[in-house]
């Protein structure tokens, strides 16, 4: 892990989506924590790398045929939320 995830929470729609489509949230959390930001453009990936040094929020996006799942770790690293774009 490149940074602490803090308390892990998920929105009910994200939990339903992942369950319905066989997406392992633990695997997404491992990818996020390891610095695999998923399907972000270069500018957003750089922002995450800067956030590791500067203490800003960290964002990952993982695409599946059925839709996207986002993970957001707060700047203070107190929590990470698993959510759908429509939850934001």
C-alpha atoms as a PDB file:
ATOM      1  CA  UNK A   1       0.000   0.000   0.000  1.00  0.00           C
ATOM      2  CA  UNK A   2       1.285   3.403  -0.970  1.00  0.00           C
ATOM      3  CA  UNK A   3      -1.013   5.217   1.472  1.00  0.00           C
ATOM      4  CA  UNK A   4      -3.497   4.358   4.238  1.00  0.00           C
ATOM      5  CA  UNK A   5      -7.104   3.870   3.169  1.00  0.00           C
ATOM      6  CA  UNK A   6      -8.572   4.720   6.572  1.00  0.00           C
ATOM      7  CA  UNK A   7     -12.110   3.518   7.233  1.00  0.00           C
ATOM      8  CA  UNK A   8     -13.569   1.936   4.115  1.00  0.00           C
ATOM      9  CA  UNK A   9     -17.168   2.793   3.298  1.00  0.00           C
ATOM     10  CA  UNK A  10     -19.349   2.212   0.254  1.00  0.00           C
ATOM     11  CA  UNK A  11     -22.599   3.644  -0.991  1.00  0.00           C
ATOM     12  CA  UNK A  12     -25.532   1.221  -1.200  1.00  0.00           C
ATOM     13  CA  UNK A  13     -25.758   1.594  -5.005  1.00  0.00           C
ATOM     14  CA  UNK A  14     -22.052   0.767  -5.354  1.00  0.00           C
ATOM     15  CA  UNK A  15     -22.466  -2.315  -3.157  1.00  0.00           C
ATOM     16  CA  UNK A  16     -25.441  -3.487  -5.220  1.00  0.00           C
ATOM     17  CA  UNK A  17     -23.633  -2.827  -8.499  1.00  0.00           C
ATOM     18  CA  UNK A  18     -20.508  -4.723  -7.455  1.00  0.00           C
ATOM     19  CA  UNK A  19     -22.503  -7.634  -6.053  1.00  0.00           C
ATOM     20  CA  UNK A  20     -24.741  -7.856  -9.115  1.00  0.00           C
ATOM     21  CA  UNK A  21     -21.771  -7.871 -11.509  1.00  0.00           C
ATOM     22  CA  UNK A  22     -19.336  -9.995  -9.497  1.00  0.00           C
ATOM     23  CA  UNK A  23     -16.883  -7.156  -8.887  1.00  0.00           C
ATOM     24  CA  UNK A  24     -14.632  -7.753  -5.867  1.00  0.00           C
ATOM     25  CA  UNK A  25     -14.412  -4.483  -3.948  1.00  0.00           C
ATOM     26  CA  UNK A  26     -11.391  -5.810  -2.038  1.00  0.00           C
ATOM     27  CA  UNK A  27      -9.513  -6.100  -5.333  1.00  0.00           C
ATOM     28  CA  UNK A  28     -10.422  -2.522  -6.264  1.00  0.00           C
ATOM     29  CA  UNK A  29      -9.229  -1.315  -2.863  1.00  0.00           C
ATOM     30  CA  UNK A  30      -5.936  -3.181  -3.319  1.00  0.00           C
ATOM     31  CA  UNK A  31      -5.442  -1.631  -6.766  1.00  0.00           C
ATOM     32  CA  UNK A  32      -6.290   1.851  -5.474  1.00  0.00           C
ATOM     33  CA  UNK A  33      -3.970   1.524  -2.475  1.00  0.00           C
ATOM     34  CA  UNK A  34      -1.146   0.237  -4.675  1.00  0.00           C
ATOM     35  CA  UNK A  35      -1.353   3.276  -6.952  1.00  0.00           C
ATOM     36  CA  UNK A  36      -3.178   1.662  -9.867  1.00  0.00           C
ATOM     37  CA  UNK A  37      -5.530   4.558 -10.549  1.00  0.00           C
ATOM     38  CA  UNK A  38      -7.503   2.698 -13.193  1.00  0.00           C
ATOM     39  CA  UNK A  39      -8.958   4.532 -16.144  1.00  0.00           C
ATOM     40  CA  UNK A  40      -7.799   8.079 -15.472  1.00  0.00           C
ATOM     41  CA  UNK A  41      -6.138  10.395 -17.946  1.00  0.00           C
ATOM     42  CA  UNK A  42      -2.503  11.407 -17.475  1.00  0.00           C
ATOM     43  CA  UNK A  43      -3.376  14.701 -15.755  1.00  0.00           C
ATOM     44  CA  UNK A  44      -5.533  12.949 -13.137  1.00  0.00           C
ATOM     45  CA  UNK A  45      -2.887  10.266 -12.578  1.00  0.00           C
ATOM     46  CA  UNK A  46      -0.306  13.004 -12.028  1.00  0.00           C
ATOM     47  CA  UNK A  47      -2.667  14.737  -9.599  1.00  0.00           C
ATOM     48  CA  UNK A  48      -2.844  11.504  -7.591  1.00  0.00           C
ATOM     49  CA  UNK A  49       0.940  11.170  -7.567  1.00  0.00           C
ATOM     50  CA  UNK A  50       1.181  14.777  -6.352  1.00  0.00           C
ATOM     51  CA  UNK A  51      -1.482  14.035  -3.730  1.00  0.00           C
ATOM     52  CA  UNK A  52       0.700  11.279  -2.284  1.00  0.00           C
ATOM     53  CA  UNK A  53       3.315  13.933  -1.502  1.00  0.00           C
ATOM     54  CA  UNK A  54       1.045  16.888  -0.771  1.00  0.00           C
ATOM     55  CA  UNK A  55      -1.713  15.180   1.200  1.00  0.00           C
ATOM     56  CA  UNK A  56      -4.602  15.900  -1.168  1.00  0.00           C
ATOM     57  CA  UNK A  57      -7.559  13.672  -2.017  1.00  0.00           C
ATOM     58  CA  UNK A  58      -6.846  10.547  -4.116  1.00  0.00           C
ATOM     59  CA  UNK A  59      -9.248   9.377  -6.808  1.00  0.00           C
ATOM     60  CA  UNK A  60      -9.420   6.179  -8.890  1.00  0.00           C
ATOM     61  CA  UNK A  61     -11.881   5.088 -11.552  1.00  0.00           C
ATOM     62  CA  UNK A  62     -12.343   1.509 -12.747  1.00  0.00           C
ATOM     63  CA  UNK A  63     -14.387   0.770 -15.866  1.00  0.00           C
ATOM     64  CA  UNK A  64     -16.370  -2.390 -16.464  1.00  0.00           C
ATOM     65  CA  UNK A  65     -18.700  -3.267 -19.345  1.00  0.00           C
ATOM     66  CA  UNK A  66     -21.639  -2.506 -17.024  1.00  0.00           C
ATOM     67  CA  UNK A  67     -20.320   0.859 -15.779  1.00  0.00           C
ATOM     68  CA  UNK A  68     -17.717   2.578 -13.611  1.00  0.00           C
ATOM     69  CA  UNK A  69     -16.782   2.319  -9.952  1.00  0.00           C
ATOM     70  CA  UNK A  70     -14.963   5.187  -8.262  1.00  0.00           C
ATOM     71  CA  UNK A  71     -12.792   5.143  -5.138  1.00  0.00           C
ATOM     72  CA  UNK A  72     -11.991   8.344  -3.275  1.00  0.00           C
ATOM     73  CA  UNK A  73      -9.600   8.572  -0.333  1.00  0.00           C
ATOM     74  CA  UNK A  74      -9.939  11.732   1.713  1.00  0.00           C
ATOM     75  CA  UNK A  75      -7.012  14.125   1.966  1.00  0.00           C
ATOM     76  CA  UNK A  76      -6.447  13.301   5.643  1.00  0.00           C
ATOM     77  CA  UNK A  77      -6.518   9.554   4.753  1.00  0.00           C
ATOM     78  CA  UNK A  78      -9.269   9.010   7.339  1.00  0.00           C
ATOM     79  CA  UNK A  79     -11.537   7.166   4.900  1.00  0.00           C
ATOM     80  CA  UNK A  80     -11.957   5.724   1.437  1.00  0.00           C
ATOM     81  CA  UNK A  81     -15.354   5.612  -0.226  1.00  0.00           C
ATOM     82  CA  UNK A  82     -16.414   3.203  -2.965  1.00  0.00           C
ATOM     83  CA  UNK A  83     -19.130   4.809  -5.059  1.00  0.00           C
ATOM     84  CA  UNK A  84     -20.685   5.078  -8.480  1.00  0.00           C
ATOM     85  CA  UNK A  85     -20.356   8.259 -10.535  1.00  0.00           C
ATOM     86  CA  UNK A  86     -24.098   8.818 -10.051  1.00  0.00           C
ATOM     87  CA  UNK A  87     -23.549   8.852  -6.263  1.00  0.00           C
ATOM     88  CA  UNK A  88     -21.206  11.835  -6.438  1.00  0.00           C
END
